[in-house]
Amino acid sequence: MRISFYASSLVSCYWNGAATYYRGLVRALAARGHEVTFFEPDAYGRQQNRDMADPDWARVVVWPATEAGMARALEQGRHADLIVKASGVGVFDAELEAGVLSLRRPGNLVAFWDVDAPATLDRVEKNEDDPFAALIPRYDLVFTYGGGDPVVRAYERLGARRCVPIYNALDPATHHPVPPAPRFRAELGFLGNRLPDREARVDAFFFKAAEALPEARFLLGGAGWESRAMPENVRYLGHVGTADHNAFNASVKAVLNINRASMARYGFSPPTRVFEAAGAGACLITDAWEGIEQFLEPGREVLVAQDGTGVAAHLAALDPERARTIGAAARAKVLARHTYDQRAAEVERVLAGRDLGEEAA
């Protein structure tokens, strides 16, 4: 199958939290024999901050962030069997959402792939005049990278023909155990860009935990935190490229996951860092959200905290041996049940008109 994928970026993780998801999924689809062309705009400094070269498992087309550039990109992708518009391209999103639908022809499929369904749904449900609302029923299907039944029901209320979550996962070739790196040694590490929907939760779960454990070392990575006042025991690293994620995850005693507020509210939305950390064999502490047990078993494969006090308590009680045991159990789970090859197989079943339940029956 030939696939045209219009999204933010495959080759840069700079201000692009979906990069790991796109890479794992596209690589897995290519390994299963599909031909993927990934169309991404030259925007937000991503091309100037690439963290990988064009891969041999996908064709990357970088288009100028102009109306003419967008139109040419649509024309180049029109002959695919599956045409995908992902959320959050960052430029000309509304035009692309309508534009891909104009490429429908007998024998092809047009899909919307929502990598931030809570934000999209909140926006559409609060604004009756949002132009995307009228387009939802016209897509052959909607994929999301999280949200579970709450997101599926919300999209169905908006007229989606079919909505299927394709969750984040692990690419074992990319995220795996490595030797610890002295520059990343600390008791707790967190990676996440500074976003309005996340900052209050970072305050509650990360900075409050750092204040509660002044003798412990904390690492913060991600863009946008330069102006933020921090406790003295927090070291700010700035943007941490994906090439350093394994070393980061393998070097701290525990890795913290903090879902954005909207994702925590919808639940069933494990971000990429959950599987990155598990793939590296790291001990993960996560904020509480509905559905975590669908991916990792609390207490054995992941530690769950209700707030920063809970994070600090987990960290204070965590010895190196237990941290290694939890990390090893998490890695075994994701390798067995949550790889991108398994996600790509699920995409194939959906496109073929079959789902897991029907196949099992």
Foldseek 3Di string as FASTA:
>chain_A
DEEEEEAADQFFCAVPQCNLVVVQQLLLLLVVPYAYEYEAEPDPCRVVHGPHDDDPSYHYDYFYLDPVRVVVSLVVGLPGQEYEYEPDSPGCNVVVLVSNLVSDDPRHFYEYEYAPLLVVLVVCVVDVPDVVLVSQLSGQEYEYQWQPPVSQVSSVVSNHPGYYYLHAADDLVQAAADAADVVQAWQEEEEDADDPQFVVQCVWAPQLLCVVPVPTAYEYEYADCPPPDGRPRYDYDYHDTSNCLLNNLNRHQEYEDEDGPSDQVSFGHDRNNLNSNLRNLFAYEYEDGPPPVVQPNDPQQHDYDPTNVRNNVCSVPDDSVSRNRNSPRNNVRRVVPGGSSVSNVQVVCVVVVHHPVRVVD
